[in-house]
Amino acid sequence: MRFATRGSARRQAVGAATAVALLAGASACTDGSAKTESSREKAVSAVTRAADHIGDVFTLRYRMAGRTPKGGLVEAEAERRPGSTFAMVMNATSFRQGADGRKWELRAVDRGLYIGGETEVSTADQYWTRFDLDTAREMGDPKAVEYVADDPVDQSTFLVGSEDVERLGTRNVDGVKTTHYRGTVSRSGLRAALKGESEAVRERRYAQFVGLGAPVITVDQWIDGADRTKRFRIRATGATGAYDMTVTFVEFDQGMLVEPPPEGDTFDPGAPEEDVRES
């Protein structure tokens, strides 16, 4: 800071006194509200940049591990293409106390959700069961469908709606140096943060939040030096139970081809029954 040197001695004395007061005030605020506000602004900027960046991702490979109210303990690996051209491949295993792991293979393509393995409506001679994506939650296996309904692309942006987001330090995630942020998010906070987004984005991301079944959630997020989310964790407690899921983004924008399973090995409970008549 530069101070004037011209003028009367009295003015010089007043200027010097003012400078000392300003410096003393700045020193007193170092560990006070000014620093807290500055730190929060930096944290908000970091999670906002990460949210903007994930919106440009076309394909994504990720791991997820945690607990859902319907599926119990879950471990899964998945690839997906977000947005209107939705496609997904997932291998998931859920565990409940006293039971062996139940495995699913999931594919979502051409507006259909295909669940491979044991489902509530599957037949003995066909490995795959097909559900229409729009009605899969009502018709399909609720535990398996839950994994598809949760979109990590949208969920990774929730922290922009936090009013208490803070930086907690650094950590290596899969060999990548990241900065760790944490905050709580309410429905009203997320709505306010989404005002600048398109209507489609607002509705989709808010629906993801509501789907967790809790009014407030806690989000941890690890962001790398390129402003990309490397990992996030969501914890929530609602009427149906506890949700605690950690998602790690493994690979961005790599080629992915998802094809429907063979028709002969697929049972579709929503397909019209064939009219078979004797000749």
C-alpha atoms as a PDB file:
ATOM      1  CA  MET A   1       0.000   0.000   0.000  1.00  0.00           C
ATOM      2  CA  ARG A   2       1.347   3.521  -0.911  1.00  0.00           C
ATOM      3  CA  PHE A   3       0.692   6.546   1.314  1.00  0.00           C
ATOM      4  CA  ALA A   4       1.003  10.267   0.371  1.00  0.00           C
ATOM      5  CA  THR A   5       4.133  12.084   1.556  1.00  0.00           C
ATOM      6  CA  ARG A   6       3.081  15.636   0.711  1.00  0.00           C
ATOM      7  CA  GLY A   7       1.129  18.038   2.947  1.00  0.00           C
ATOM      8  CA  SER A   8       1.450  19.408   6.457  1.00  0.00           C
ATOM      9  CA  ALA A   9       3.045  17.548   9.330  1.00  0.00           C
ATOM     10  CA  ARG A  10      -0.374  17.226  10.940  1.00  0.00           C
ATOM     11  CA  ARG A  11      -1.778  15.566   7.838  1.00  0.00           C
ATOM     12  CA  GLN A  12       1.242  13.266   7.754  1.00  0.00           C
ATOM     13  CA  ALA A  13       0.642  12.310  11.364  1.00  0.00           C
ATOM     14  CA  VAL A  14      -3.038  11.630  10.727  1.00  0.00           C
ATOM     15  CA  GLY A  15      -2.159   9.558   7.635  1.00  0.00           C
ATOM     16  CA  ALA A  16       0.356   7.510   9.585  1.00  0.00           C
ATOM     17  CA  ALA A  17      -2.128   6.927  12.395  1.00  0.00           C
ATOM     18  CA  THR A  18      -4.765   5.832   9.896  1.00  0.00           C
ATOM     19  CA  ALA A  19      -2.362   3.412   8.265  1.00  0.00           C
ATOM     20  CA  VAL A  20      -1.455   1.881  11.610  1.00  0.00           C
ATOM     21  CA  ALA A  21      -5.153   1.509  12.473  1.00  0.00           C
ATOM     22  CA  LEU A  22      -5.893  -0.163   9.157  1.00  0.00           C
ATOM     23  CA  LEU A  23      -2.993  -2.542   9.511  1.00  0.00           C
ATOM     24  CA  ALA A  24      -4.008  -3.375  13.073  1.00  0.00           C
ATOM     25  CA  GLY A  25      -7.569  -3.995  11.971  1.00  0.00           C
ATOM     26  CA  ALA A  26      -6.445  -6.247   9.139  1.00  0.00           C
ATOM     27  CA  SER A  27      -4.280  -8.211  11.564  1.00  0.00           C
ATOM     28  CA  ALA A  28      -7.162  -8.598  14.003  1.00  0.00           C
ATOM     29  CA  CYS A  29      -9.394  -9.978  11.235  1.00  0.00           C
ATOM     30  CA  THR A  30      -6.885 -12.544  10.032  1.00  0.00           C
ATOM     31  CA  ASP A  31      -8.525 -15.332  12.002  1.00  0.00           C
ATOM     32  CA  GLY A  32     -11.976 -13.790  12.058  1.00  0.00           C
ATOM     33  CA  SER A  33     -14.976 -13.342   9.799  1.00  0.00           C
ATOM     34  CA  ALA A  34     -13.046 -11.847   6.883  1.00  0.00           C
ATOM     35  CA  LYS A  35     -10.918 -14.979   6.508  1.00  0.00           C
ATOM     36  CA  THR A  36     -13.923 -17.257   6.945  1.00  0.00           C
ATOM     37  CA  GLU A  37     -15.861 -15.468   4.230  1.00  0.00           C
ATOM     38  CA  SER A  38     -12.888 -15.516   1.884  1.00  0.00           C
ATOM     39  CA  SER A  39     -12.361 -19.243   2.456  1.00  0.00           C
ATOM     40  CA  ARG A  40     -16.023 -19.970   1.841  1.00  0.00           C
ATOM     41  CA  GLU A  41     -15.998 -17.965  -1.385  1.00  0.00           C
ATOM     42  CA  LYS A  42     -13.037 -19.982  -2.615  1.00  0.00           C
ATOM     43  CA  ALA A  43     -14.791 -23.224  -1.711  1.00  0.00           C
ATOM     44  CA  VAL A  44     -17.978 -22.142  -3.490  1.00  0.00           C
ATOM     45  CA  SER A  45     -15.983 -21.228  -6.596  1.00  0.00           C
ATOM     46  CA  ALA A  46     -14.218 -24.598  -6.588  1.00  0.00           C
ATOM     47  CA  VAL A  47     -17.395 -26.713  -6.379  1.00  0.00           C
ATOM     48  CA  THR A  48     -19.111 -24.468  -8.947  1.00  0.00           C
ATOM     49  CA  ARG A  49     -16.288 -24.955 -11.452  1.00  0.00           C
ATOM     50  CA  ALA A  50     -16.441 -28.717 -10.894  1.00  0.00           C
ATOM     51  CA  ALA A  51     -20.207 -28.699 -11.495  1.00  0.00           C
ATOM     52  CA  ASP A  52     -19.747 -26.740 -14.722  1.00  0.00           C
ATOM     53  CA  HIS A  53     -17.048 -29.149 -15.854  1.00  0.00           C
ATOM     54  CA  ILE A  54     -19.073 -32.327 -15.280  1.00  0.00           C
ATOM     55  CA  GLY A  55     -21.835 -30.900 -17.465  1.00  0.00           C
ATOM     56  CA  ASP A  56     -19.498 -31.202 -20.443  1.00  0.00           C
ATOM     57  CA  VAL A  57     -18.687 -34.885 -19.850  1.00  0.00           C
ATOM     58  CA  PHE A  58     -20.155 -37.243 -22.428  1.00  0.00           C
ATOM     59  CA  THR A  59     -19.193 -40.675 -21.123  1.00  0.00           C
ATOM     60  CA  LEU A  60     -18.142 -41.677 -17.647  1.00  0.00           C
ATOM     61  CA  ARG A  61     -16.790 -44.776 -15.934  1.00  0.00           C
ATOM     62  CA  TYR A  62     -17.137 -44.943 -12.167  1.00  0.00           C
ATOM     63  CA  ARG A  63     -17.152 -47.085  -9.032  1.00  0.00           C
ATOM     64  CA  MET A  64     -19.701 -46.877  -6.255  1.00  0.00           C
ATOM     65  CA  ALA A  65     -19.784 -48.379  -2.788  1.00  0.00           C
ATOM     66  CA  GLY A  66     -22.046 -47.806   0.168  1.00  0.00           C
ATOM     67  CA  ARG A  67     -25.546 -48.428   1.476  1.00  0.00           C
ATOM     68  CA  THR A  68     -29.004 -47.655   0.119  1.00  0.00           C
ATOM     69  CA  PRO A  69     -32.329 -48.090   1.956  1.00  0.00           C
ATOM     70  CA  LYS A  70     -33.578 -50.731  -0.508  1.00  0.00           C
ATOM     71  CA  GLY A  71     -30.417 -52.394  -1.744  1.00  0.00           C
ATOM     72  CA  GLY A  72     -28.483 -52.757   1.499  1.00  0.00           C
ATOM     73  CA  LEU A  73     -24.703 -52.697   1.109  1.00  0.00           C
ATOM     74  CA  VAL A  74     -23.735 -52.067  -2.498  1.00  0.00           C
ATOM     75  CA  GLU A  75     -20.574 -52.419  -4.581  1.00  0.00           C
ATOM     76  CA  ALA A  76     -20.723 -51.620  -8.278  1.00  0.00           C
ATOM     77  CA  GLU A  77     -18.767 -50.580 -11.331  1.00  0.00           C
ATOM     78  CA  ALA A  78     -20.513 -48.779 -14.147  1.00  0.00           C
ATOM     79  CA  GLU A  79     -20.227 -46.813 -17.347  1.00  0.00           C
ATOM     80  CA  ARG A  80     -22.832 -44.393 -18.531  1.00  0.00           C
ATOM     81  CA  ARG A  81     -23.589 -41.735 -21.098  1.00  0.00           C
ATOM     82  CA  PRO A  82     -25.669 -39.014 -19.379  1.00  0.00           C
ATOM     83  CA  GLY A  83     -28.320 -36.817 -20.876  1.00  0.00           C
ATOM     84  CA  SER A  84     -31.078 -37.564 -23.348  1.00  0.00           C
ATOM     85  CA  THR A  85     -29.130 -40.356 -25.088  1.00  0.00           C
ATOM     86  CA  PHE A  86     -28.954 -42.466 -21.945  1.00  0.00           C
ATOM     87  CA  ALA A  87     -26.937 -45.676 -21.921  1.00  0.00           C
ATOM     88  CA  MET A  88     -25.433 -47.672 -19.116  1.00  0.00           C
ATOM     89  CA  VAL A  89     -23.695 -50.912 -18.206  1.00  0.00           C
ATOM     90  CA  MET A  90     -23.373 -51.888 -14.555  1.00  0.00           C
ATOM     91  CA  ASN A  91     -22.332 -54.885 -12.516  1.00  0.00           C
ATOM     92  CA  ALA A  92     -23.709 -54.559  -8.985  1.00  0.00           C
ATOM     93  CA  THR A  93     -23.666 -56.686  -5.858  1.00  0.00           C
ATOM     94  CA  SER A  94     -25.804 -55.945  -2.807  1.00  0.00           C
ATOM     95  CA  PHE A  95     -25.412 -57.490   0.625  1.00  0.00           C
ATOM     96  CA  ARG A  96     -27.881 -57.808   3.481  1.00  0.00           C
ATOM     97  CA  GLN A  97     -27.110 -59.061   6.962  1.00  0.00           C
ATOM     98  CA  GLY A  98     -27.056 -62.848   7.033  1.00  0.00           C
ATOM     99  CA  ALA A  99     -27.395 -63.205   3.263  1.00  0.00           C
ATOM    100  CA  ASP A 100     -24.956 -63.853   0.447  1.00  0.00           C
ATOM    101  CA  GLY A 101     -24.256 -61.124  -2.051  1.00  0.00           C
ATOM    102  CA  ARG A 102     -26.925 -60.797  -4.711  1.00  0.00           C
ATOM    103  CA  LYS A 103     -25.485 -59.901  -8.098  1.00  0.00           C
ATOM    104  CA  TRP A 104     -27.042 -57.968 -10.959  1.00  0.00           C
ATOM    105  CA  GLU A 105     -25.861 -57.074 -14.412  1.00  0.00           C
ATOM    106  CA  LEU A 106     -27.645 -53.988 -15.659  1.00  0.00           C
ATOM    107  CA  ARG A 107     -27.900 -52.399 -19.079  1.00  0.00           C
ATOM    108  CA  ALA A 108     -29.884 -49.340 -20.055  1.00  0.00           C
ATOM    109  CA  VAL A 109     -30.214 -48.681 -23.775  1.00  0.00           C
ATOM    110  CA  ASP A 110     -32.928 -47.799 -26.301  1.00  0.00           C
ATOM    111  CA  ARG A 111     -35.335 -46.721 -23.537  1.00  0.00           C
ATOM    112  CA  GLY A 112     -35.121 -50.158 -21.987  1.00  0.00           C
ATOM    113  CA  LEU A 113     -33.649 -51.326 -18.683  1.00  0.00           C
ATOM    114  CA  TYR A 114     -32.266 -54.865 -18.838  1.00  0.00           C
ATOM    115  CA  ILE A 115     -31.575 -56.688 -15.580  1.00  0.00           C
ATOM    116  CA  GLY A 116     -29.512 -59.844 -15.816  1.00  0.00           C
ATOM    117  CA  GLY A 117     -29.711 -62.460 -13.097  1.00  0.00           C
ATOM    118  CA  GLU A 118     -32.332 -63.072 -10.451  1.00  0.00           C
ATOM    119  CA  THR A 119     -35.206 -60.591 -10.409  1.00  0.00           C
ATOM    120  CA  GLU A 120     -38.672 -60.669  -8.893  1.00  0.00           C
ATOM    121  CA  VAL A 121     -40.298 -61.321 -12.274  1.00  0.00           C
ATOM    122  CA  SER A 122     -37.595 -63.239 -14.169  1.00  0.00           C
ATOM    123  CA  THR A 123     -38.154 -66.669 -15.679  1.00  0.00           C
ATOM    124  CA  ALA A 124     -36.008 -69.733 -15.200  1.00  0.00           C
ATOM    125  CA  ASP A 125     -34.991 -70.068 -18.856  1.00  0.00           C
ATOM    126  CA  GLN A 126     -34.131 -66.437 -19.649  1.00  0.00           C
ATOM    127  CA  TYR A 127     -31.229 -64.580 -18.036  1.00  0.00           C
ATOM    128  CA  TRP A 128     -32.364 -61.042 -18.881  1.00  0.00           C
ATOM    129  CA  THR A 129     -35.559 -59.205 -17.957  1.00  0.00           C
ATOM    130  CA  ARG A 130     -36.493 -56.016 -19.815  1.00  0.00           C
ATOM    131  CA  PHE A 131     -38.415 -53.060 -18.374  1.00  0.00           C
ATOM    132  CA  ASP A 132     -39.356 -49.775 -19.983  1.00  0.00           C
ATOM    133  CA  LEU A 133     -37.203 -47.060 -18.428  1.00  0.00           C
ATOM    134  CA  ASP A 134     -40.221 -44.838 -17.765  1.00  0.00           C
ATOM    135  CA  THR A 135     -42.000 -47.503 -15.700  1.00  0.00           C
ATOM    136  CA  ALA A 136     -39.072 -49.565 -14.418  1.00  0.00           C
ATOM    137  CA  ARG A 137     -39.346 -48.303 -10.848  1.00  0.00           C
ATOM    138  CA  GLU A 138     -42.972 -49.462 -10.592  1.00  0.00           C
ATOM    139  CA  MET A 139     -42.655 -52.719 -12.541  1.00  0.00           C
ATOM    140  CA  GLY A 140     -39.089 -53.841 -11.946  1.00  0.00           C
ATOM    141  CA  ASP A 141     -37.013 -55.035  -9.052  1.00  0.00           C
ATOM    142  CA  PRO A 142     -36.872 -51.951  -6.770  1.00  0.00           C
ATOM    143  CA  LYS A 143     -33.415 -52.793  -5.435  1.00  0.00           C
ATOM    144  CA  ALA A 144     -31.794 -53.091  -8.859  1.00  0.00           C
ATOM    145  CA  VAL A 145     -33.695 -50.168 -10.370  1.00  0.00           C
ATOM    146  CA  GLU A 146     -32.470 -47.909  -7.573  1.00  0.00           C
ATOM    147  CA  TYR A 147     -28.907 -48.118  -8.875  1.00  0.00           C
ATOM    148  CA  VAL A 148     -29.937 -46.879 -12.308  1.00  0.00           C
ATOM    149  CA  ALA A 149     -32.141 -44.096 -10.962  1.00  0.00           C
ATOM    150  CA  ASP A 150     -29.200 -42.485  -9.136  1.00  0.00           C
ATOM    151  CA  ASP A 151     -27.241 -40.366 -11.607  1.00  0.00           C
ATOM    152  CA  PRO A 152     -23.693 -39.600 -10.371  1.00  0.00           C
ATOM    153  CA  VAL A 153     -23.317 -36.796 -12.904  1.00  0.00           C
ATOM    154  CA  ASP A 154     -26.136 -34.790 -11.338  1.00  0.00           C
ATOM    155  CA  GLN A 155     -25.429 -35.888  -7.772  1.00  0.00           C
ATOM    156  CA  SER A 156     -21.836 -34.681  -8.008  1.00  0.00           C
ATOM    157  CA  THR A 157     -23.148 -31.101  -8.399  1.00  0.00           C
ATOM    158  CA  PHE A 158     -25.226 -30.976  -5.197  1.00  0.00           C
ATOM    159  CA  LEU A 159     -22.570 -29.143  -3.183  1.00  0.00           C
ATOM    160  CA  VAL A 160     -23.209 -25.927  -5.152  1.00  0.00           C
ATOM    161  CA  GLY A 161     -26.380 -25.628  -3.046  1.00  0.00           C
ATOM    162  CA  SER A 162     -24.534 -25.674   0.271  1.00  0.00           C
ATOM    163  CA  GLU A 163     -24.496 -22.599   2.505  1.00  0.00           C
ATOM    164  CA  ASP A 164     -21.722 -23.931   4.734  1.00  0.00           C
ATOM    165  CA  VAL A 165     -19.300 -25.544   2.269  1.00  0.00           C
ATOM    166  CA  GLU A 166     -15.708 -25.567   3.505  1.00  0.00           C
ATOM    167  CA  ARG A 167     -12.287 -26.747   2.418  1.00  0.00           C
ATOM    168  CA  LEU A 168     -10.912 -29.535   4.609  1.00  0.00           C
ATOM    169  CA  GLY A 169      -7.495 -30.166   3.078  1.00  0.00           C
ATOM    170  CA  THR A 170      -5.904 -32.340   0.405  1.00  0.00           C
ATOM    171  CA  ARG A 171      -5.927 -36.070  -0.273  1.00  0.00           C
ATOM    172  CA  ASN A 172      -4.743 -38.480  -2.961  1.00  0.00           C
ATOM    173  CA  VAL A 173      -7.583 -40.370  -4.650  1.00  0.00           C
ATOM    174  CA  ASP A 174      -6.457 -43.169  -6.960  1.00  0.00           C
ATOM    175  CA  GLY A 175      -3.049 -41.498  -7.155  1.00  0.00           C
ATOM    176  CA  VAL A 176      -4.489 -38.077  -8.019  1.00  0.00           C
ATOM    177  CA  LYS A 177      -4.014 -35.114  -5.680  1.00  0.00           C
ATOM    178  CA  THR A 178      -7.381 -33.601  -4.774  1.00  0.00           C
ATOM    179  CA  THR A 179      -8.826 -30.954  -2.497  1.00  0.00           C
ATOM    180  CA  HIS A 180     -11.509 -32.091  -0.065  1.00  0.00           C
ATOM    181  CA  TYR A 181     -14.683 -30.024   0.448  1.00  0.00           C
ATOM    182  CA  ARG A 182     -17.703 -30.680   2.667  1.00  0.00           C
ATOM    183  CA  GLY A 183     -21.068 -29.074   3.242  1.00  0.00           C
ATOM    184  CA  THR A 184     -24.729 -29.703   3.962  1.00  0.00           C
ATOM    185  CA  VAL A 185     -27.385 -29.146   1.310  1.00  0.00           C
ATOM    186  CA  SER A 186     -31.106 -28.523   1.769  1.00  0.00           C
ATOM    187  CA  ARG A 187     -33.822 -28.604  -0.862  1.00  0.00           C
ATOM    188  CA  SER A 188     -34.258 -24.834  -0.711  1.00  0.00           C
ATOM    189  CA  GLY A 189     -30.508 -24.286  -0.967  1.00  0.00           C
ATOM    190  CA  LEU A 190     -30.251 -26.467  -4.054  1.00  0.00           C
ATOM    191  CA  ARG A 191     -33.261 -24.782  -5.672  1.00  0.00           C
ATOM    192  CA  ALA A 192     -31.654 -21.376  -5.175  1.00  0.00           C
ATOM    193  CA  ALA A 193     -28.338 -22.551  -6.627  1.00  0.00           C
ATOM    194  CA  LEU A 194     -30.043 -23.982  -9.727  1.00  0.00           C
ATOM    195  CA  LYS A 195     -31.825 -20.767 -10.730  1.00  0.00           C
ATOM    196  CA  GLY A 196     -29.233 -19.991 -13.381  1.00  0.00           C
ATOM    197  CA  GLU A 197     -29.501 -23.415 -15.056  1.00  0.00           C
ATOM    198  CA  SER A 198     -31.838 -24.447 -17.854  1.00  0.00           C
ATOM    199  CA  GLU A 199     -35.260 -25.777 -16.917  1.00  0.00           C
ATOM    200  CA  ALA A 200     -34.288 -29.306 -17.941  1.00  0.00           C
ATOM    201  CA  VAL A 201     -31.167 -29.257 -15.760  1.00  0.00           C
ATOM    202  CA  ARG A 202     -33.054 -27.750 -12.812  1.00  0.00           C
ATOM    203  CA  GLU A 203     -35.766 -30.391 -12.932  1.00  0.00           C
ATOM    204  CA  ARG A 204     -33.361 -33.290 -13.410  1.00  0.00           C
ATOM    205  CA  ARG A 205     -30.971 -32.344 -10.617  1.00  0.00           C
ATOM    206  CA  TYR A 206     -33.703 -31.426  -8.172  1.00  0.00           C
ATOM    207  CA  ALA A 207     -35.434 -34.735  -8.882  1.00  0.00           C
ATOM    208  CA  GLN A 208     -32.194 -36.531  -8.064  1.00  0.00           C
ATOM    209  CA  PHE A 209     -32.075 -34.754  -4.712  1.00  0.00           C
ATOM    210  CA  VAL A 210     -35.716 -35.515  -3.896  1.00  0.00           C
ATOM    211  CA  GLY A 211     -35.115 -39.164  -4.790  1.00  0.00           C
ATOM    212  CA  LEU A 212     -32.773 -39.477  -1.810  1.00  0.00           C
ATOM    213  CA  GLY A 213     -35.798 -39.043   0.457  1.00  0.00           C
ATOM    214  CA  ALA A 214     -34.159 -36.638   2.916  1.00  0.00           C
ATOM    215  CA  PRO A 215     -34.669 -32.893   3.478  1.00  0.00           C
ATOM    216  CA  VAL A 216     -30.955 -32.305   4.153  1.00  0.00           C
ATOM    217  CA  ILE A 217     -27.897 -34.220   2.994  1.00  0.00           C
ATOM    218  CA  THR A 218     -24.177 -34.070   3.762  1.00  0.00           C
ATOM    219  CA  VAL A 219     -21.818 -34.041   0.788  1.00  0.00           C
ATOM    220  CA  ASP A 220     -18.056 -34.608   0.679  1.00  0.00           C
ATOM    221  CA  GLN A 221     -16.346 -33.846  -2.612  1.00  0.00           C
ATOM    222  CA  TRP A 222     -12.763 -34.334  -3.798  1.00  0.00           C
ATOM    223  CA  ILE A 223     -11.743 -32.120  -6.744  1.00  0.00           C
ATOM    224  CA  ASP A 224      -8.504 -32.441  -8.712  1.00  0.00           C
ATOM    225  CA  GLY A 225      -6.264 -29.705 -10.092  1.00  0.00           C
ATOM    226  CA  ALA A 226      -8.161 -29.622 -13.398  1.00  0.00           C
ATOM    227  CA  ASP A 227     -11.445 -28.712 -11.633  1.00  0.00           C
ATOM    228  CA  ARG A 228     -12.807 -32.220 -12.108  1.00  0.00           C
ATOM    229  CA  THR A 229     -14.643 -34.104  -9.402  1.00  0.00           C
ATOM    230  CA  LYS A 230     -12.662 -37.240  -8.644  1.00  0.00           C
ATOM    231  CA  ARG A 231     -14.857 -38.554  -5.838  1.00  0.00           C
ATOM    232  CA  PHE A 232     -17.938 -37.577  -3.869  1.00  0.00           C
ATOM    233  CA  ARG A 233     -19.842 -39.020  -0.937  1.00  0.00           C
ATOM    234  CA  ILE A 234     -23.499 -38.404  -0.054  1.00  0.00           C
ATOM    235  CA  ARG A 235     -24.983 -39.178   3.348  1.00  0.00           C
ATOM    236  CA  ALA A 236     -28.697 -38.809   4.005  1.00  0.00           C
ATOM    237  CA  THR A 237     -31.305 -40.150   6.398  1.00  0.00           C
ATOM    238  CA  GLY A 238     -34.929 -40.236   5.313  1.00  0.00           C
ATOM    239  CA  ALA A 239     -38.168 -42.009   6.132  1.00  0.00           C
ATOM    240  CA  THR A 240     -37.056 -45.187   4.335  1.00  0.00           C
ATOM    241  CA  GLY A 241     -33.641 -45.407   6.005  1.00  0.00           C
ATOM    242  CA  ALA A 242     -30.025 -44.356   5.625  1.00  0.00           C
ATOM    243  CA  TYR A 243     -28.281 -43.583   2.343  1.00  0.00           C
ATOM    244  CA  ASP A 244     -24.479 -43.454   2.335  1.00  0.00           C
ATOM    245  CA  MET A 245     -22.796 -43.749  -1.052  1.00  0.00           C
ATOM    246  CA  THR A 246     -19.294 -42.955  -2.270  1.00  0.00           C
ATOM    247  CA  VAL A 247     -18.736 -42.590  -6.022  1.00  0.00           C
ATOM    248  CA  THR A 248     -15.275 -42.443  -7.608  1.00  0.00           C
ATOM    249  CA  PHE A 249     -14.929 -41.212 -11.175  1.00  0.00           C
ATOM    250  CA  VAL A 250     -12.406 -43.410 -12.953  1.00  0.00           C
ATOM    251  CA  GLU A 251     -12.406 -42.308 -16.574  1.00  0.00           C
ATOM    252  CA  PHE A 252     -13.965 -39.499 -18.618  1.00  0.00           C
ATOM    253  CA  ASP A 253     -14.990 -39.349 -22.270  1.00  0.00           C
ATOM    254  CA  GLN A 254     -13.841 -42.754 -23.428  1.00  0.00           C
ATOM    255  CA  GLY A 255     -15.643 -44.725 -26.116  1.00  0.00           C
ATOM    256  CA  MET A 256     -18.563 -46.834 -24.935  1.00  0.00           C
ATOM    257  CA  LEU A 257     -20.890 -49.112 -26.866  1.00  0.00           C
ATOM    258  CA  VAL A 258     -23.972 -50.506 -25.151  1.00  0.00           C
ATOM    259  CA  GLU A 259     -26.057 -53.092 -26.968  1.00  0.00           C
ATOM    260  CA  PRO A 260     -29.323 -54.750 -25.893  1.00  0.00           C
ATOM    261  CA  PRO A 261     -29.037 -58.417 -24.835  1.00  0.00           C
ATOM    262  CA  PRO A 262     -30.214 -61.089 -27.300  1.00  0.00           C
ATOM    263  CA  GLU A 263     -34.002 -61.187 -27.649  1.00  0.00           C
ATOM    264  CA  GLY A 264     -34.060 -64.946 -27.188  1.00  0.00           C
ATOM    265  CA  ASP A 265     -32.479 -64.603 -23.770  1.00  0.00           C
ATOM    266  CA  THR A 266     -34.697 -61.716 -22.647  1.00  0.00           C
ATOM    267  CA  PHE A 267     -38.080 -61.816 -20.908  1.00  0.00           C
ATOM    268  CA  ASP A 268     -40.230 -58.692 -21.352  1.00  0.00           C
ATOM    269  CA  PRO A 269     -43.208 -58.673 -18.944  1.00  0.00           C
ATOM    270  CA  GLY A 270     -44.575 -55.563 -20.659  1.00  0.00           C
ATOM    271  CA  ALA A 271     -44.660 -57.049 -24.154  1.00  0.00           C
ATOM    272  CA  PRO A 272     -48.082 -57.969 -25.590  1.00  0.00           C
ATOM    273  CA  GLU A 273     -48.824 -61.669 -25.460  1.00  0.00           C
ATOM    274  CA  GLU A 274     -48.787 -63.463 -28.793  1.00  0.00           C
ATOM    275  CA  ASP A 275     -52.092 -64.723 -30.061  1.00  0.00           C
ATOM    276  CA  VAL A 276     -51.358 -68.392 -30.632  1.00  0.00           C
ATOM    277  CA  ARG A 277     -54.094 -70.300 -32.474  1.00  0.00           C
ATOM    278  CA  GLU A 278     -54.192 -73.843 -33.690  1.00  0.00           C
ATOM    279  CA  SER A 279     -54.326 -74.157 -37.433  1.00  0.00           C
END
